[in-house]
């Protein structure tokens, strides 16, 4: 393979690494958002159950 071919492969690998990092960050953000949404959604219900039990 020529030097130009290696350069293109390296460029492609760098793009793949960047994409992998972006996907990992998006997955983390999505998980945090889901966790926060569920916490906020379920919290009032938990408070009502605790109040009713008193």
N, C-alpha and C. Protein backbone atom coordinates (compact mmCIF):
# COMPACT_ATOMS: atom_id res chain seq x y z
N UNK A 1 0.86 -1.17 0.00
CA UNK A 1 0.00 0.00 0.00
C UNK A 1 0.91 1.23 0.00
N UNK A 2 0.49 2.23 -0.72
CA UNK A 2 1.30 3.45 -0.83
C UNK A 2 1.16 4.32 0.42
N UNK A 3 2.04 5.31 0.53
CA UNK A 3 1.99 6.23 1.66
C UNK A 3 0.65 6.96 1.69
N UNK A 4 0.12 7.28 0.50
CA UNK A 4 -1.17 7.96 0.43
C UNK A 4 -2.29 7.06 0.96
N UNK A 5 -2.18 5.78 0.64
CA UNK A 5 -3.17 4.81 1.13
C UNK A 5 -3.15 4.70 2.63
N UNK A 6 -1.95 4.65 3.22
CA UNK A 6 -1.84 4.60 4.68
C UNK A 6 -2.41 5.86 5.31
N UNK A 7 -2.16 6.98 4.69
CA UNK A 7 -2.67 8.26 5.20
C UNK A 7 -4.20 8.26 5.22
N UNK A 8 -4.80 7.76 4.17
CA UNK A 8 -6.27 7.72 4.11
C UNK A 8 -6.83 6.75 5.15
N UNK A 9 -6.15 5.63 5.34
CA UNK A 9 -6.58 4.67 6.35
C UNK A 9 -6.48 5.30 7.74
N UNK A 10 -5.39 5.99 8.00
CA UNK A 10 -5.22 6.66 9.29
C UNK A 10 -6.29 7.73 9.50
N UNK A 11 -6.60 8.49 8.46
CA UNK A 11 -7.66 9.50 8.55
C UNK A 11 -9.00 8.85 8.87
N UNK A 12 -9.28 7.75 8.19
CA UNK A 12 -10.54 7.03 8.42
C UNK A 12 -10.59 6.49 9.85
N UNK A 13 -9.49 5.95 10.33
CA UNK A 13 -9.46 5.43 11.70
C UNK A 13 -9.66 6.54 12.72
N UNK A 14 -9.09 7.72 12.46
CA UNK A 14 -9.28 8.86 13.35
C UNK A 14 -10.75 9.27 13.37
N UNK A 15 -11.40 9.27 12.23
CA UNK A 15 -12.83 9.59 12.17
C UNK A 15 -13.66 8.55 12.93
N UNK A 16 -13.29 7.29 12.80
CA UNK A 16 -13.99 6.23 13.52
C UNK A 16 -13.82 6.39 15.03
N UNK A 17 -12.62 6.74 15.46
CA UNK A 17 -12.38 6.97 16.89
C UNK A 17 -13.21 8.14 17.41
N UNK A 18 -13.27 9.21 16.62
CA UNK A 18 -14.06 10.38 17.01
C UNK A 18 -15.55 10.01 17.08
N UNK A 19 -16.03 9.25 16.13
CA UNK A 19 -17.42 8.81 16.13
C UNK A 19 -17.71 7.94 17.34
N UNK A 20 -16.81 7.04 17.65
CA UNK A 20 -16.98 6.16 18.81
C UNK A 20 -17.07 6.99 20.10
N UNK A 21 -16.23 8.00 20.21
CA UNK A 21 -16.27 8.88 21.38
C UNK A 21 -17.57 9.64 21.46
N UNK A 22 -18.04 10.14 20.33
CA UNK A 22 -19.31 10.87 20.30
C UNK A 22 -20.48 9.96 20.67
N UNK A 23 -20.46 8.75 20.18
CA UNK A 23 -21.54 7.81 20.50
C UNK A 23 -21.53 7.46 21.99
N UNK A 24 -20.36 7.29 22.56
CA UNK A 24 -20.25 6.99 23.99
C UNK A 24 -20.78 8.16 24.81
N UNK A 25 -20.43 9.38 24.42
CA UNK A 25 -20.90 10.57 25.14
C UNK A 25 -22.42 10.69 25.02
N UNK A 26 -22.96 10.41 23.85
CA UNK A 26 -24.41 10.49 23.65
C UNK A 26 -25.13 9.43 24.49
N UNK A 27 -24.56 8.25 24.58
CA UNK A 27 -25.15 7.18 25.38
C UNK A 27 -25.17 7.57 26.85
N UNK A 28 -24.07 8.14 27.33
CA UNK A 28 -24.00 8.59 28.72
C UNK A 28 -25.03 9.68 28.99
N UNK A 29 -25.12 10.65 28.08
CA UNK A 29 -26.08 11.75 28.25
C UNK A 29 -27.51 11.22 28.23
N UNK A 30 -27.79 10.28 27.34
CA UNK A 30 -29.14 9.71 27.26
C UNK A 30 -29.48 8.96 28.54
N UNK A 31 -28.53 8.23 29.08
CA UNK A 31 -28.76 7.49 30.33
C UNK A 31 -29.02 8.44 31.49
N UNK A 32 -28.24 9.51 31.56
CA UNK A 32 -28.44 10.49 32.64
C UNK A 32 -29.79 11.19 32.51
N UNK A 33 -30.17 11.51 31.30
CA UNK A 33 -31.47 12.15 31.08
C UNK A 33 -32.60 11.21 31.46
N UNK A 34 -32.51 9.97 31.08
CA UNK A 34 -33.53 8.99 31.44
C UNK A 34 -33.62 8.83 32.95
N UNK A 35 -32.48 8.74 33.60
CA UNK A 35 -32.46 8.59 35.05
C UNK A 35 -33.10 9.81 35.73
N UNK A 36 -32.77 11.00 35.27
CA UNK A 36 -33.33 12.22 35.85
C UNK A 36 -34.84 12.30 35.61
N UNK A 37 -35.26 11.92 34.41
CA UNK A 37 -36.68 11.94 34.08
C UNK A 37 -37.47 10.97 34.95
N UNK A 38 -36.93 9.76 35.09
CA UNK A 38 -37.61 8.78 35.93
C UNK A 38 -37.63 9.22 37.39
N UNK A 39 -36.55 9.79 37.84
CA UNK A 39 -36.49 10.26 39.23
C UNK A 39 -37.56 11.33 39.47
N UNK A 40 -37.65 12.29 38.58
CA UNK A 40 -38.63 13.37 38.73
C UNK A 40 -40.05 12.86 38.58
N UNK A 41 -40.24 11.90 37.70
CA UNK A 41 -41.58 11.37 37.46
C UNK A 41 -42.06 10.52 38.63
N UNK A 42 -41.17 9.73 39.18
CA UNK A 42 -41.56 8.80 40.24
C UNK A 42 -41.51 9.42 41.64
N UNK A 43 -40.77 10.48 41.81
CA UNK A 43 -40.63 11.08 43.13
C UNK A 43 -41.96 11.53 43.73
N UNK A 44 -42.81 12.26 43.02
CA UNK A 44 -44.08 12.67 43.63
C UNK A 44 -44.92 11.47 44.06
N UNK A 45 -44.92 10.41 43.28
CA UNK A 45 -45.68 9.21 43.63
C UNK A 45 -45.15 8.62 44.92
N UNK A 46 -43.84 8.56 45.07
CA UNK A 46 -43.25 8.03 46.29
C UNK A 46 -43.63 8.90 47.48
N UNK A 47 -43.65 10.20 47.30
CA UNK A 47 -44.01 11.09 48.39
C UNK A 47 -45.46 10.90 48.79
N UNK A 48 -46.36 10.71 47.83
CA UNK A 48 -47.77 10.49 48.13
C UNK A 48 -47.97 9.17 48.88
N UNK A 49 -47.24 8.16 48.48
CA UNK A 49 -47.34 6.86 49.15
C UNK A 49 -46.86 6.99 50.59
N UNK A 50 -45.76 7.70 50.81
CA UNK A 50 -45.26 7.89 52.16
C UNK A 50 -46.24 8.70 53.01
N UNK A 51 -46.84 9.73 52.44
CA UNK A 51 -47.82 10.52 53.18
C UNK A 51 -49.06 9.70 53.53
N UNK A 52 -49.49 8.87 52.62
CA UNK A 52 -50.67 8.05 52.86
C UNK A 52 -50.40 7.00 53.95
N UNK A 53 -49.15 6.56 54.05
CA UNK A 53 -48.80 5.55 55.04
C UNK A 53 -48.71 6.12 56.45
N UNK A 54 -48.58 7.42 56.56
CA UNK A 54 -48.43 8.03 57.91
C UNK A 54 -49.70 8.06 58.68
